[in-house]
Structure formats: structure tokens, C-alpha cells
Amino acid sequence: MNLSYQQMVELASSGLQAAGIGVNAAHETAQFLALAELDGLASHGLARVSQYAGHAKHGRIELAPKVKVRPFKTCAALVDACDGLAFPALRFATDLSVNLASKTGVSLIAVTNSHHFGVAGHFTEAAARAGYISLLFGNTPAAMPMIGGSKALFGTNPLSAAFPVANRDPLVIDMSLSAVARGKLLVAAKKGESIPEGWALTADGKPTTNPNEGLKGLMVPLGGDKGALLALIIELLVVGLSGSRFSYEADSFFDAKGNRPRIGQLLLTIDPGLAGSQVFANKMQDFLKTLAADAGTRIPGQRRFKQRASGFKEGVNISEAVLEEIHAGIRQSWN
């Protein structure tokens, strides 16, 4: 079924509220899920509604948390998501990071007691549109082994970086450190489709094309050992600075039952005026001209923005399986 952005927000919000999640948290989360659908990122879109609803019903999240903040020195702060859905806390943290960077030139915001935070690039994009360089790191429940290991130790530990561009959309880099985002396995499982070999391993370390086996097993690190080492860097930065749980201490997002994940995120926001008010902007323009001279080169983020514009205009086709899952949850709340 084809849905508009507003219809997706309303449906996702209703599905989350049906599970007991507070109105404000449900609505803010729904906005980000619908935006992911517009961007063509279904793995972080409405398919997550039933997942979050399951966590709510089994006590894995706080239903109506009040985000707390603890300032640290001049340009840093710790934001406590208080076991709620991550989106309200990350939106608050992003606004706070930009505000601090506008005064001090740089800011560092750690988010603790958090949850799955969707498309990392949405938050860095917001800071870049305000004129700031933005980097975001996060850890997730364990899904990848350390070099030479066979047990899940790190999450897919996503990272995003966004750079402002004068009078244009920002340049946005957004990636997980597994070969593909784990959410793609979730989407394939819901559709009853297989996955390409090389995406995931079974629990005993064998290659698989079955998304359900992959969700129970291990994700293949991006770039092999190098991906695992990058995941280690993010793990230590995020956990050490936020006080959140290590990835291996958080139960899988893909299980309705389990502990409260209490993972973390880390936002670094930078005023680009260090070398002079126009230096960064001029360097970006020079770089983009160089890219444009190489036919076929794609600027990070541009495909997403093009997809978004089309989605706002024409709507997005949401799979019947995902729609039925959400509607079933709503109907269940009525009984």
C-alpha cells in the first residue's frame, strides 16, 4: 500500500501507542521511522514498529521517560535517555550539541541508557543543515566477533558524519560496520526472502542465505579485520564516555523479551570556522567541483535526498506484511 509521510507517521505512532508508549515518545519516533521510509531505508522504517512495541510490552523500555542532562565542564554533557526509545533523546542531544558548539566551537554529547536509534545520518544531517560538522557513533547489541573470535562481542556499531555545503544539501556519510545493516535481515525475514551469501553467518559460524539464521547468528564485519577494529574503537569511545553497557551486555533488539539494552551514542559537533569564516566552505566547493569532474561519481547522501523528495511527492509503498503486523498490534490493544 502506498502511504504519504503523514499517513506513515500516524500509523507508526498509533502502533507504538497501542503498546503503551507515551504520546510524545511515540510521535517523535514515528517521525524518524517515516523519514527512513522516505529515504528508501525500509530496514529502519515502519518494520521497527512491532519490534519497539514488543519491547514496550515486555518491559525492555521505559514508556514515557523524561530525558535528563548533566553538563560537564564547558562544551560537553551527558544525556540520559532513561531507558526510553532513543529518538527523543538523540533529537535533544543534537540540538544541545549545536547550541554548545555555537558558543565554544566544539561540543561532545554522550547519550546513555539508550536504545536503537535508527538512521544515524538523520541526526548528523540536522546539525550540518545548521552549519556544523557532525559525527555520531553508537554501539548496538553484540552481532560481530573480534578478530580471530567466534562469539558476538561488538554490535554493528554505526557511524555517521555530515558536512555542511553552502546553499546545498549537506554531504552525509552513514554506515554500519557490518557488511550490511542488520535491519536488512529483518526486512528480508518479514518478506520471506533469502539474503546474499556474505552478509551473515549462522550461530556456529557457517555462511547462510537464511535471514532468520543470520539474525540468530553473526554479522560479517565490513572489510573483515578492519571493520572489527573500527567497531572496537567505537565501542570503547561510546561505552567509556557514556557509561553505557557494552554490546555484549545488551540483549538483541530482535527479541521481544530481554533486558533493557542501555547502550550509548556519542555526538561530536564542530564549528567549521577554525581556519577562517570561509575556508571550510571554499574547500568543500573545491572538493565538490573535483568530484563533479569525474563522471558517475556519487556524492554521499544525494541519492537519499532524491529518494526523499520523490517520497514526499508520491508516497512510499509499504509491504503488506509490515502493515498487517502494525494493524494486528493495534487491534490487539482494543481487546
C-alpha atoms as a PDB file:
ATOM      1  CA  MET A   1       0.000   0.000   0.000  1.00  0.00           C
ATOM      2  CA  ASN A   2       1.198   3.481  -0.857  1.00  0.00           C
ATOM      3  CA  LEU A   3       1.286   5.884   2.098  1.00  0.00           C
ATOM      4  CA  SER A   4       2.150   9.545   2.454  1.00  0.00           C
ATOM      5  CA  TYR A   5       4.645  10.783   5.053  1.00  0.00           C
ATOM      6  CA  GLN A   6       1.843  11.950   7.348  1.00  0.00           C
ATOM      7  CA  GLN A   7      -0.028   8.650   6.994  1.00  0.00           C
ATOM      8  CA  MET A   8       3.146   6.759   7.910  1.00  0.00           C
ATOM      9  CA  VAL A   9       3.681   8.970  10.967  1.00  0.00           C
ATOM     10  CA  GLU A  10       0.093   8.472  12.121  1.00  0.00           C
ATOM     11  CA  LEU A  11       0.187   4.705  11.597  1.00  0.00           C
ATOM     12  CA  ALA A  12       3.558   4.242  13.310  1.00  0.00           C
ATOM     13  CA  SER A  13       2.548   6.486  16.198  1.00  0.00           C
ATOM     14  CA  SER A  14      -0.716   4.566  16.656  1.00  0.00           C
ATOM     15  CA  GLY A  15       1.129   1.265  16.623  1.00  0.00           C
ATOM     16  CA  LEU A  16       3.584   2.448  19.279  1.00  0.00           C
ATOM     17  CA  GLN A  17       0.895   3.989  21.469  1.00  0.00           C
ATOM     18  CA  ALA A  18      -1.109   0.764  21.260  1.00  0.00           C
ATOM     19  CA  ALA A  19       1.809  -0.901  23.057  1.00  0.00           C
ATOM     20  CA  GLY A  20       1.637   1.680  25.855  1.00  0.00           C
ATOM     21  CA  ILE A  21       4.379   4.038  24.676  1.00  0.00           C
ATOM     22  CA  GLY A  22       3.716   7.658  25.619  1.00  0.00           C
ATOM     23  CA  VAL A  23       2.230  10.034  23.041  1.00  0.00           C
ATOM     24  CA  ASN A  24       5.280  12.293  22.737  1.00  0.00           C
ATOM     25  CA  ALA A  25       7.815   9.468  22.502  1.00  0.00           C
ATOM     26  CA  ALA A  26       5.610   7.594  20.015  1.00  0.00           C
ATOM     27  CA  HIS A  27       5.129  10.631  17.785  1.00  0.00           C
ATOM     28  CA  GLU A  28       8.813  11.641  17.702  1.00  0.00           C
ATOM     29  CA  THR A  29       9.841   8.065  16.990  1.00  0.00           C
ATOM     30  CA  ALA A  30       7.210   7.739  14.265  1.00  0.00           C
ATOM     31  CA  GLN A  31       8.566  10.842  12.530  1.00  0.00           C
ATOM     32  CA  PHE A  32      12.019   9.308  12.223  1.00  0.00           C
ATOM     33  CA  LEU A  33      10.655   5.932  11.091  1.00  0.00           C
ATOM     34  CA  ALA A  34       8.584   7.618   8.385  1.00  0.00           C
ATOM     35  CA  LEU A  35      11.601   9.677   7.314  1.00  0.00           C
ATOM     36  CA  ALA A  36      13.606   6.468   6.940  1.00  0.00           C
ATOM     37  CA  GLU A  37      10.895   5.124   4.623  1.00  0.00           C
ATOM     38  CA  LEU A  38      11.017   8.309   2.544  1.00  0.00           C
ATOM     39  CA  ASP A  39      14.775   7.890   2.237  1.00  0.00           C
ATOM     40  CA  GLY A  40      14.366   4.342   0.947  1.00  0.00           C
ATOM     41  CA  LEU A  41      15.725   2.819   4.158  1.00  0.00           C
ATOM     42  CA  ALA A  42      12.942   0.376   4.965  1.00  0.00           C
ATOM     43  CA  SER A  43      15.202  -1.567   7.335  1.00  0.00           C
ATOM     44  CA  HIS A  44      14.922   1.389   9.733  1.00  0.00           C
ATOM     45  CA  GLY A  45      11.363   2.330   8.904  1.00  0.00           C
ATOM     46  CA  LEU A  46       7.920   1.024   9.808  1.00  0.00           C
ATOM     47  CA  ALA A  47       9.265  -2.520  10.131  1.00  0.00           C
ATOM     48  CA  ARG A  48      10.606  -1.370  13.505  1.00  0.00           C
ATOM     49  CA  VAL A  49       7.177  -0.514  14.952  1.00  0.00           C
ATOM     50  CA  SER A  50       6.335  -4.059  16.002  1.00  0.00           C
ATOM     51  CA  GLN A  51       9.862  -4.500  17.345  1.00  0.00           C
ATOM     52  CA  TYR A  52       9.622  -1.440  19.587  1.00  0.00           C
ATOM     53  CA  ALA A  53       6.084  -2.391  20.565  1.00  0.00           C
ATOM     54  CA  GLY A  54       7.306  -5.826  21.624  1.00  0.00           C
ATOM     55  CA  HIS A  55       9.994  -4.226  23.771  1.00  0.00           C
ATOM     56  CA  ALA A  56       7.384  -1.992  25.377  1.00  0.00           C
ATOM     57  CA  LYS A  57       5.069  -4.884  26.203  1.00  0.00           C
ATOM     58  CA  HIS A  58       7.900  -6.875  27.787  1.00  0.00           C
ATOM     59  CA  GLY A  59       9.374  -4.051  29.841  1.00  0.00           C
ATOM     60  CA  ARG A  60      12.504  -3.512  27.756  1.00  0.00           C
ATOM     61  CA  ILE A  61      11.908   0.239  27.522  1.00  0.00           C
ATOM     62  CA  GLU A  62      10.502   2.994  29.717  1.00  0.00           C
ATOM     63  CA  LEU A  63       7.174   4.029  28.217  1.00  0.00           C
ATOM     64  CA  ALA A  64       7.213   7.761  28.967  1.00  0.00           C
ATOM     65  CA  PRO A  65      10.734   8.761  30.005  1.00  0.00           C
ATOM     66  CA  LYS A  66      11.884  12.289  30.774  1.00  0.00           C
ATOM     67  CA  VAL A  67      15.295  12.916  29.260  1.00  0.00           C
ATOM     68  CA  LYS A  68      17.875  14.188  31.741  1.00  0.00           C
ATOM     69  CA  VAL A  69      21.086  16.115  31.104  1.00  0.00           C
ATOM     70  CA  ARG A  70      24.229  16.528  33.181  1.00  0.00           C
ATOM     71  CA  PRO A  71      26.618  19.256  31.968  1.00  0.00           C
ATOM     72  CA  PHE A  72      30.355  18.514  32.064  1.00  0.00           C
ATOM     73  CA  LYS A  73      32.811  21.403  32.006  1.00  0.00           C
ATOM     74  CA  THR A  74      32.277  23.902  29.188  1.00  0.00           C
ATOM     75  CA  CYS A  75      31.453  22.062  25.982  1.00  0.00           C
ATOM     76  CA  ALA A  76      30.331  18.579  26.972  1.00  0.00           C
ATOM     77  CA  ALA A  77      27.305  16.933  28.546  1.00  0.00           C
ATOM     78  CA  LEU A  78      25.836  13.543  29.376  1.00  0.00           C
ATOM     79  CA  VAL A  79      22.265  12.972  28.224  1.00  0.00           C
ATOM     80  CA  ASP A  80      20.332  10.197  29.956  1.00  0.00           C
ATOM     81  CA  ALA A  81      17.668   8.614  27.744  1.00  0.00           C
ATOM     82  CA  CYS A  82      16.296   6.962  30.897  1.00  0.00           C
ATOM     83  CA  ASP A  83      15.667   3.614  29.185  1.00  0.00           C
ATOM     84  CA  GLY A  84      13.246   5.126  26.686  1.00  0.00           C
ATOM     85  CA  LEU A  85      13.217   4.953  22.909  1.00  0.00           C
ATOM     86  CA  ALA A  86      16.339   6.693  21.621  1.00  0.00           C
ATOM     87  CA  PHE A  87      14.828   9.197  19.183  1.00  0.00           C
ATOM     88  CA  PRO A  88      13.649  11.863  21.663  1.00  0.00           C
ATOM     89  CA  ALA A  89      17.000  11.696  23.489  1.00  0.00           C
ATOM     90  CA  LEU A  90      19.035  11.913  20.261  1.00  0.00           C
ATOM     91  CA  ARG A  91      16.970  14.831  18.967  1.00  0.00           C
ATOM     92  CA  PHE A  92      17.549  16.638  22.277  1.00  0.00           C
ATOM     93  CA  ALA A  93      21.252  15.753  22.217  1.00  0.00           C
ATOM     94  CA  THR A  94      21.629  17.028  18.651  1.00  0.00           C
ATOM     95  CA  ASP A  95      20.044  20.376  19.493  1.00  0.00           C
ATOM     96  CA  LEU A  96      22.185  20.638  22.617  1.00  0.00           C
ATOM     97  CA  SER A  97      25.367  19.799  20.719  1.00  0.00           C
ATOM     98  CA  VAL A  98      24.726  22.521  18.129  1.00  0.00           C
ATOM     99  CA  ASN A  99      23.930  25.042  20.855  1.00  0.00           C
ATOM    100  CA  LEU A 100      27.149  24.302  22.718  1.00  0.00           C
ATOM    101  CA  ALA A 101      29.276  24.288  19.545  1.00  0.00           C
ATOM    102  CA  SER A 102      27.900  27.687  18.593  1.00  0.00           C
ATOM    103  CA  LYS A 103      29.379  29.053  21.831  1.00  0.00           C
ATOM    104  CA  THR A 104      32.571  27.040  22.259  1.00  0.00           C
ATOM    105  CA  GLY A 105      33.494  25.905  18.742  1.00  0.00           C
ATOM    106  CA  VAL A 106      33.147  22.221  19.541  1.00  0.00           C
ATOM    107  CA  SER A 107      30.874  20.047  21.653  1.00  0.00           C
ATOM    108  CA  LEU A 108      30.777  16.433  22.800  1.00  0.00           C
ATOM    109  CA  ILE A 109      27.495  14.887  23.921  1.00  0.00           C
ATOM    110  CA  ALA A 110      27.297  11.331  25.250  1.00  0.00           C
ATOM    111  CA  VAL A 111      23.926   9.569  25.459  1.00  0.00           C
ATOM    112  CA  THR A 112      23.472   6.762  27.960  1.00  0.00           C
ATOM    113  CA  ASN A 113      20.718   4.276  28.887  1.00  0.00           C
ATOM    114  CA  SER A 114      19.591   4.416  25.261  1.00  0.00           C
ATOM    115  CA  HIS A 115      18.030   2.137  22.673  1.00  0.00           C
ATOM    116  CA  HIS A 116      18.036   1.543  18.899  1.00  0.00           C
ATOM    117  CA  PHE A 117      18.443   4.953  17.233  1.00  0.00           C
ATOM    118  CA  GLY A 118      17.520   4.270  13.636  1.00  0.00           C
ATOM    119  CA  VAL A 119      19.254   6.157  10.826  1.00  0.00           C
ATOM    120  CA  ALA A 120      22.323   7.830  12.309  1.00  0.00           C
ATOM    121  CA  GLY A 121      22.539  10.202   9.361  1.00  0.00           C
ATOM    122  CA  HIS A 122      19.275  11.899  10.257  1.00  0.00           C
ATOM    123  CA  PHE A 123      20.875  13.449  13.332  1.00  0.00           C
ATOM    124  CA  THR A 124      24.163  14.463  11.722  1.00  0.00           C
ATOM    125  CA  GLU A 125      22.249  15.857   8.747  1.00  0.00           C
ATOM    126  CA  ALA A 126      20.275  18.124  11.079  1.00  0.00           C
ATOM    127  CA  ALA A 127      23.475  19.541  12.584  1.00  0.00           C
ATOM    128  CA  ALA A 128      25.033  20.004   9.143  1.00  0.00           C
ATOM    129  CA  ARG A 129      21.980  21.892   7.906  1.00  0.00           C
ATOM    130  CA  ALA A 130      22.541  24.228  10.863  1.00  0.00           C
ATOM    131  CA  GLY A 131      26.072  24.819   9.545  1.00  0.00           C
ATOM    132  CA  TYR A 132      28.129  22.405  11.651  1.00  0.00           C
ATOM    133  CA  ILE A 133      30.300  19.373  11.033  1.00  0.00           C
ATOM    134  CA  SER A 134      28.726  16.469  12.874  1.00  0.00           C
ATOM    135  CA  LEU A 135      29.868  12.967  13.797  1.00  0.00           C
ATOM    136  CA  LEU A 136      27.744  10.353  15.538  1.00  0.00           C
ATOM    137  CA  PHE A 137      28.818   6.946  16.858  1.00  0.00           C
ATOM    138  CA  GLY A 138      26.778   4.290  18.601  1.00  0.00           C
ATOM    139  CA  ASN A 139      27.081   0.771  19.912  1.00  0.00           C
ATOM    140  CA  THR A 140      24.408  -1.884  19.451  1.00  0.00           C
ATOM    141  CA  PRO A 141      23.724  -5.370  20.857  1.00  0.00           C
ATOM    142  CA  ALA A 142      26.519  -7.816  20.021  1.00  0.00           C
ATOM    143  CA  ALA A 143      26.452  -9.173  16.481  1.00  0.00           C
ATOM    144  CA  MET A 144      30.098  -9.374  15.313  1.00  0.00           C
ATOM    145  CA  PRO A 145      33.177 -11.189  16.658  1.00  0.00           C
ATOM    146  CA  MET A 146      36.590  -9.771  17.476  1.00  0.00           C
ATOM    147  CA  ILE A 147      39.445 -10.639  15.108  1.00  0.00           C
ATOM    148  CA  GLY A 148      40.046 -14.379  15.363  1.00  0.00           C
ATOM    149  CA  GLY A 149      36.988 -14.892  17.553  1.00  0.00           C
ATOM    150  CA  SER A 150      33.754 -16.777  17.001  1.00  0.00           C
ATOM    151  CA  LYS A 151      31.470 -15.150  19.588  1.00  0.00           C
ATOM    152  CA  ALA A 152      29.489 -11.940  19.120  1.00  0.00           C
ATOM    153  CA  LEU A 153      31.295  -9.193  21.006  1.00  0.00           C
ATOM    154  CA  PHE A 154      30.602  -5.926  19.176  1.00  0.00           C
ATOM    155  CA  GLY A 155      27.454  -4.557  17.694  1.00  0.00           C
ATOM    156  CA  THR A 156      27.285  -3.360  14.108  1.00  0.00           C
ATOM    157  CA  ASN A 157      28.263  -0.049  15.764  1.00  0.00           C
ATOM    158  CA  PRO A 158      27.062   2.504  13.195  1.00  0.00           C
ATOM    159  CA  LEU A 159      28.738   5.806  12.476  1.00  0.00           C
ATOM    160  CA  SER A 160      27.731   8.886  10.543  1.00  0.00           C
ATOM    161  CA  ALA A 161      29.498  12.077   9.518  1.00  0.00           C
ATOM    162  CA  ALA A 162      27.877  15.093   7.886  1.00  0.00           C
ATOM    163  CA  PHE A 163      29.475  18.195   6.383  1.00  0.00           C
ATOM    164  CA  PRO A 164      27.641  21.430   5.585  1.00  0.00           C
ATOM    165  CA  VAL A 165      27.672  22.698   1.990  1.00  0.00           C
ATOM    166  CA  ALA A 166      26.723  26.289   1.244  1.00  0.00           C
ATOM    167  CA  ASN A 167      23.314  26.573  -0.455  1.00  0.00           C
ATOM    168  CA  ARG A 168      23.105  22.811  -0.999  1.00  0.00           C
ATOM    169  CA  ASP A 169      22.196  19.630   0.819  1.00  0.00           C
ATOM    170  CA  PRO A 170      24.952  18.512   3.179  1.00  0.00           C
ATOM    171  CA  LEU A 171      27.323  15.678   2.426  1.00  0.00           C
ATOM    172  CA  VAL A 172      26.208  12.779   4.636  1.00  0.00           C
ATOM    173  CA  ILE A 173      28.097   9.537   5.234  1.00  0.00           C
ATOM    174  CA  ASP A 174      26.132   6.882   7.125  1.00  0.00           C
ATOM    175  CA  MET A 175      27.223   3.299   7.607  1.00  0.00           C
ATOM    176  CA  SER A 176      27.249   0.349   9.940  1.00  0.00           C
ATOM    177  CA  LEU A 177      30.424  -1.658  10.448  1.00  0.00           C
ATOM    178  CA  SER A 178      28.900  -4.924   9.322  1.00  0.00           C
ATOM    179  CA  ALA A 179      28.859  -5.847   5.630  1.00  0.00           C
ATOM    180  CA  VAL A 180      25.227  -4.643   5.591  1.00  0.00           C
ATOM    181  CA  ALA A 181      22.921  -3.148   8.196  1.00  0.00           C
ATOM    182  CA  ARG A 182      21.372  -5.851  10.351  1.00  0.00           C
ATOM    183  CA  GLY A 183      17.954  -4.355   9.703  1.00  0.00           C
ATOM    184  CA  LYS A 184      18.158  -5.622   6.113  1.00  0.00           C
ATOM    185  CA  LEU A 185      17.944  -9.145   7.507  1.00  0.00           C
ATOM    186  CA  LEU A 186      14.825  -8.130   9.436  1.00  0.00           C
ATOM    187  CA  VAL A 187      13.162  -6.811   6.270  1.00  0.00           C
ATOM    188  CA  ALA A 188      14.102  -9.944   4.312  1.00  0.00           C
ATOM    189  CA  ALA A 189      12.741 -12.166   7.093  1.00  0.00           C
ATOM    190  CA  LYS A 190       9.412 -10.305   7.127  1.00  0.00           C
ATOM    191  CA  LYS A 191       9.120 -10.665   3.347  1.00  0.00           C
ATOM    192  CA  GLY A 192      10.134 -14.321   3.403  1.00  0.00           C
ATOM    193  CA  GLU A 193      13.131 -13.606   1.170  1.00  0.00           C
ATOM    194  CA  SER A 194      16.661 -15.000   1.227  1.00  0.00           C
ATOM    195  CA  ILE A 195      19.782 -12.857   1.687  1.00  0.00           C
ATOM    196  CA  PRO A 196      23.018 -12.887  -0.360  1.00  0.00           C
ATOM    197  CA  GLU A 197      25.835 -15.033   0.937  1.00  0.00           C
ATOM    198  CA  GLY A 198      28.448 -12.897   2.651  1.00  0.00           C
ATOM    199  CA  TRP A 199      26.015 -10.861   4.741  1.00  0.00           C
ATOM    200  CA  ALA A 200      25.730 -13.106   7.776  1.00  0.00           C
ATOM    201  CA  LEU A 201      26.784 -16.344   9.454  1.00  0.00           C
ATOM    202  CA  THR A 202      24.826 -18.909  11.452  1.00  0.00           C
ATOM    203  CA  ALA A 203      25.343 -19.211  15.218  1.00  0.00           C
ATOM    204  CA  ASP A 204      28.038 -21.831  14.555  1.00  0.00           C
ATOM    205  CA  GLY A 205      29.867 -19.600  12.088  1.00  0.00           C
ATOM    206  CA  LYS A 206      28.696 -21.010   8.745  1.00  0.00           C
ATOM    207  CA  PRO A 207      27.657 -18.809   5.789  1.00  0.00           C
ATOM    208  CA  THR A 208      23.890 -18.544   5.379  1.00  0.00           C
ATOM    209  CA  THR A 209      21.322 -17.099   2.998  1.00  0.00           C
ATOM    210  CA  ASN A 210      18.532 -17.511   5.579  1.00  0.00           C
ATOM    211  CA  PRO A 211      17.850 -14.132   7.267  1.00  0.00           C
ATOM    212  CA  ASN A 212      16.367 -15.772  10.366  1.00  0.00           C
ATOM    213  CA  GLU A 213      19.507 -17.837  10.865  1.00  0.00           C
ATOM    214  CA  GLY A 214      21.555 -14.707  10.328  1.00  0.00           C
ATOM    215  CA  LEU A 215      19.601 -12.804  12.961  1.00  0.00           C
ATOM    216  CA  LYS A 216      20.341 -15.597  15.429  1.00  0.00           C
ATOM    217  CA  GLY A 217      23.977 -15.770  14.375  1.00  0.00           C
ATOM    218  CA  LEU A 218      26.733 -13.335  13.415  1.00  0.00           C
ATOM    219  CA  MET A 219      27.058 -10.419  11.032  1.00  0.00           C
ATOM    220  CA  VAL A 220      30.097 -10.341   8.758  1.00  0.00           C
ATOM    221  CA  PRO A 221      32.293  -7.303   9.601  1.00  0.00           C
ATOM    222  CA  LEU A 222      32.721  -4.684   6.886  1.00  0.00           C
ATOM    223  CA  GLY A 223      36.172  -5.146   5.373  1.00  0.00           C
ATOM    224  CA  GLY A 224      36.998  -8.100   7.611  1.00  0.00           C
ATOM    225  CA  ASP A 225      39.502  -7.354  10.373  1.00  0.00           C
ATOM    226  CA  LYS A 226      39.465  -3.613   9.702  1.00  0.00           C
ATOM    227  CA  GLY A 227      35.729  -3.454  10.291  1.00  0.00           C
ATOM    228  CA  ALA A 228      36.128  -5.288  13.589  1.00  0.00           C
ATOM    229  CA  LEU A 229      38.833  -2.841  14.693  1.00  0.00           C
ATOM    230  CA  LEU A 230      36.679   0.153  13.823  1.00  0.00           C
ATOM    231  CA  ALA A 231      33.860  -1.414  15.829  1.00  0.00           C
ATOM    232  CA  LEU A 232      36.278  -1.761  18.752  1.00  0.00           C
ATOM    233  CA  ILE A 233      37.192   1.940  18.554  1.00  0.00           C
ATOM    234  CA  ILE A 234      33.534   2.968  18.614  1.00  0.00           C
ATOM    235  CA  GLU A 235      32.749   0.504  21.398  1.00  0.00           C
ATOM    236  CA  LEU A 236      35.432   1.893  23.693  1.00  0.00           C
ATOM    237  CA  LEU A 237      34.651   5.531  22.944  1.00  0.00           C
ATOM    238  CA  VAL A 238      30.895   5.214  23.378  1.00  0.00           C
ATOM    239  CA  VAL A 239      30.870   2.946  26.422  1.00  0.00           C
ATOM    240  CA  GLY A 240      33.799   4.626  28.130  1.00  0.00           C
ATOM    241  CA  LEU A 241      32.426   8.149  27.755  1.00  0.00           C
ATOM    242  CA  SER A 242      28.709   7.468  28.262  1.00  0.00           C
ATOM    243  CA  GLY A 243      28.892   4.739  30.886  1.00  0.00           C
ATOM    244  CA  SER A 244      26.502   2.651  28.810  1.00  0.00           C
ATOM    245  CA  ARG A 245      26.541  -1.120  28.534  1.00  0.00           C
ATOM    246  CA  PHE A 246      28.978  -2.941  26.325  1.00  0.00           C
ATOM    247  CA  SER A 247      27.394  -4.504  23.261  1.00  0.00           C
ATOM    248  CA  TYR A 248      27.779  -7.994  24.706  1.00  0.00           C
ATOM    249  CA  GLU A 249      25.784  -6.946  27.792  1.00  0.00           C
ATOM    250  CA  ALA A 250      22.714  -5.885  25.797  1.00  0.00           C
ATOM    251  CA  ASP A 251      20.188  -8.463  24.631  1.00  0.00           C
ATOM    252  CA  SER A 252      19.302  -8.470  20.932  1.00  0.00           C
ATOM    253  CA  PHE A 253      16.908  -5.860  19.564  1.00  0.00           C
ATOM    254  CA  PHE A 254      15.312  -8.640  17.541  1.00  0.00           C
ATOM    255  CA  ASP A 255      13.963 -10.424  20.621  1.00  0.00           C
ATOM    256  CA  ALA A 256      10.824  -9.054  22.261  1.00  0.00           C
ATOM    257  CA  LYS A 257      11.967 -10.331  25.637  1.00  0.00           C
ATOM    258  CA  GLY A 258      15.272  -9.466  27.253  1.00  0.00           C
ATOM    259  CA  ASN A 259      16.979  -6.799  29.293  1.00  0.00           C
ATOM    260  CA  ARG A 260      16.815  -3.070  28.810  1.00  0.00           C
ATOM    261  CA  PRO A 261      19.706  -2.603  26.358  1.00  0.00           C
ATOM    262  CA  ARG A 262      21.081   0.624  27.904  1.00  0.00           C
ATOM    263  CA  ILE A 263      23.509   1.159  25.040  1.00  0.00           C
ATOM    264  CA  GLY A 264      25.017   4.538  24.163  1.00  0.00           C
ATOM    265  CA  GLN A 265      25.705   7.114  21.489  1.00  0.00           C
ATOM    266  CA  LEU A 266      28.317   9.844  21.112  1.00  0.00           C
ATOM    267  CA  LEU A 267      27.866  13.123  19.212  1.00  0.00           C
ATOM    268  CA  LEU A 268      30.743  15.369  18.195  1.00  0.00           C
ATOM    269  CA  THR A 269      29.762  18.745  16.719  1.00  0.00           C
ATOM    270  CA  ILE A 270      32.309  21.179  15.271  1.00  0.00           C
ATOM    271  CA  ASP A 271      32.066  24.800  14.141  1.00  0.00           C
ATOM    272  CA  PRO A 272      33.855  24.727  10.755  1.00  0.00           C
ATOM    273  CA  GLY A 273      35.237  28.265  11.121  1.00  0.00           C
ATOM    274  CA  LEU A 274      38.530  27.298  12.780  1.00  0.00           C
ATOM    275  CA  ALA A 275      40.777  28.321   9.857  1.00  0.00           C
ATOM    276  CA  GLY A 276      38.619  31.308   8.898  1.00  0.00           C
ATOM    277  CA  SER A 277      34.953  32.001   8.244  1.00  0.00           C
ATOM    278  CA  GLN A 278      35.017  30.933   4.572  1.00  0.00           C
ATOM    279  CA  VAL A 279      37.902  28.463   4.455  1.00  0.00           C
ATOM    280  CA  PHE A 280      35.856  25.331   5.082  1.00  0.00           C
ATOM    281  CA  ALA A 281      33.082  26.404   2.709  1.00  0.00           C
ATOM    282  CA  ASN A 282      35.599  27.159  -0.055  1.00  0.00           C
ATOM    283  CA  LYS A 283      37.395  23.850   0.463  1.00  0.00           C
ATOM    284  CA  MET A 284      34.095  21.978   0.241  1.00  0.00           C
ATOM    285  CA  GLN A 285      33.240  23.747  -3.018  1.00  0.00           C
ATOM    286  CA  ASP A 286      36.656  22.855  -4.461  1.00  0.00           C
ATOM    287  CA  PHE A 287      36.192  19.232  -3.476  1.00  0.00           C
ATOM    288  CA  LEU A 288      32.699  19.008  -4.930  1.00  0.00           C
ATOM    289  CA  LYS A 289      33.906  20.518  -8.216  1.00  0.00           C
ATOM    290  CA  THR A 290      36.604  17.850  -8.372  1.00  0.00           C
ATOM    291  CA  LEU A 291      34.026  15.137  -7.780  1.00  0.00           C
ATOM    292  CA  ALA A 292      31.714  16.577 -10.426  1.00  0.00           C
ATOM    293  CA  ALA A 293      34.525  16.389 -12.972  1.00  0.00           C
ATOM    294  CA  ASP A 294      34.623  12.607 -12.578  1.00  0.00           C
ATOM    295  CA  ALA A 295      31.587  11.308 -14.441  1.00  0.00           C
ATOM    296  CA  GLY A 296      29.464   8.864 -12.474  1.00  0.00           C
ATOM    297  CA  THR A 297      30.742   9.890  -9.053  1.00  0.00           C
ATOM    298  CA  ARG A 298      28.009   9.903  -6.421  1.00  0.00           C
ATOM    299  CA  ILE A 299      28.113  12.356  -3.530  1.00  0.00           C
ATOM    300  CA  PRO A 300      27.242  10.654  -0.207  1.00  0.00           C
ATOM    301  CA  GLY A 301      23.677  11.427   0.836  1.00  0.00           C
ATOM    302  CA  GLN A 302      22.432  12.709  -2.517  1.00  0.00           C
ATOM    303  CA  ARG A 303      20.639   9.518  -3.506  1.00  0.00           C
ATOM    304  CA  ARG A 304      18.850   9.570  -0.157  1.00  0.00           C
ATOM    305  CA  PHE A 305      17.752  13.183  -0.608  1.00  0.00           C
ATOM    306  CA  LYS A 306      16.496  12.472  -4.117  1.00  0.00           C
ATOM    307  CA  GLN A 307      14.533   9.479  -2.830  1.00  0.00           C
ATOM    308  CA  ARG A 308      13.127  11.614  -0.025  1.00  0.00           C
ATOM    309  CA  ALA A 309      11.880  14.282  -2.413  1.00  0.00           C
ATOM    310  CA  SER A 310      10.172  11.629  -4.512  1.00  0.00           C
ATOM    311  CA  GLY A 311       8.658  10.027  -1.407  1.00  0.00           C
ATOM    312  CA  PHE A 312       7.202  13.300  -0.188  1.00  0.00           C
ATOM    313  CA  LYS A 313       5.624  13.824  -3.589  1.00  0.00           C
ATOM    314  CA  GLU A 314       4.454  10.332  -4.491  1.00  0.00           C
ATOM    315  CA  GLY A 315       4.305   8.460  -1.183  1.00  0.00           C
ATOM    316  CA  VAL A 316       6.017   5.203  -0.262  1.00  0.00           C
ATOM    317  CA  ASN A 317       4.910   1.634  -0.864  1.00  0.00           C
ATOM    318  CA  ILE A 318       4.840  -0.230   2.464  1.00  0.00           C
ATOM    319  CA  SER A 319       4.744  -4.016   2.363  1.00  0.00           C
ATOM    320  CA  GLU A 320       1.510  -5.711   3.345  1.00  0.00           C
ATOM    321  CA  ALA A 321       3.379  -7.843   5.876  1.00  0.00           C
ATOM    322  CA  VAL A 322       4.590  -4.768   7.769  1.00  0.00           C
ATOM    323  CA  LEU A 323       1.181  -3.082   7.608  1.00  0.00           C
ATOM    324  CA  GLU A 324      -0.607  -6.177   8.897  1.00  0.00           C
ATOM    325  CA  GLU A 325       1.890  -6.505  11.731  1.00  0.00           C
ATOM    326  CA  ILE A 326       1.205  -2.944  12.884  1.00  0.00           C
ATOM    327  CA  HIS A 327      -2.570  -3.222  12.473  1.00  0.00           C
ATOM    328  CA  ALA A 328      -2.577  -6.524  14.380  1.00  0.00           C
ATOM    329  CA  GLY A 329      -0.848  -4.814  17.294  1.00  0.00           C
ATOM    330  CA  ILE A 330      -3.418  -2.014  17.262  1.00  0.00           C
ATOM    331  CA  ARG A 331      -6.328  -4.457  17.126  1.00  0.00           C
ATOM    332  CA  GLN A 332      -4.822  -6.426  19.991  1.00  0.00           C
ATOM    333  CA  SER A 333      -4.786  -3.306  22.177  1.00  0.00           C
ATOM    334  CA  TRP A 334      -8.534  -2.880  21.615  1.00  0.00           C
ATOM    335  CA  ASN A 335      -9.330  -6.354  23.009  1.00  0.00           C
END
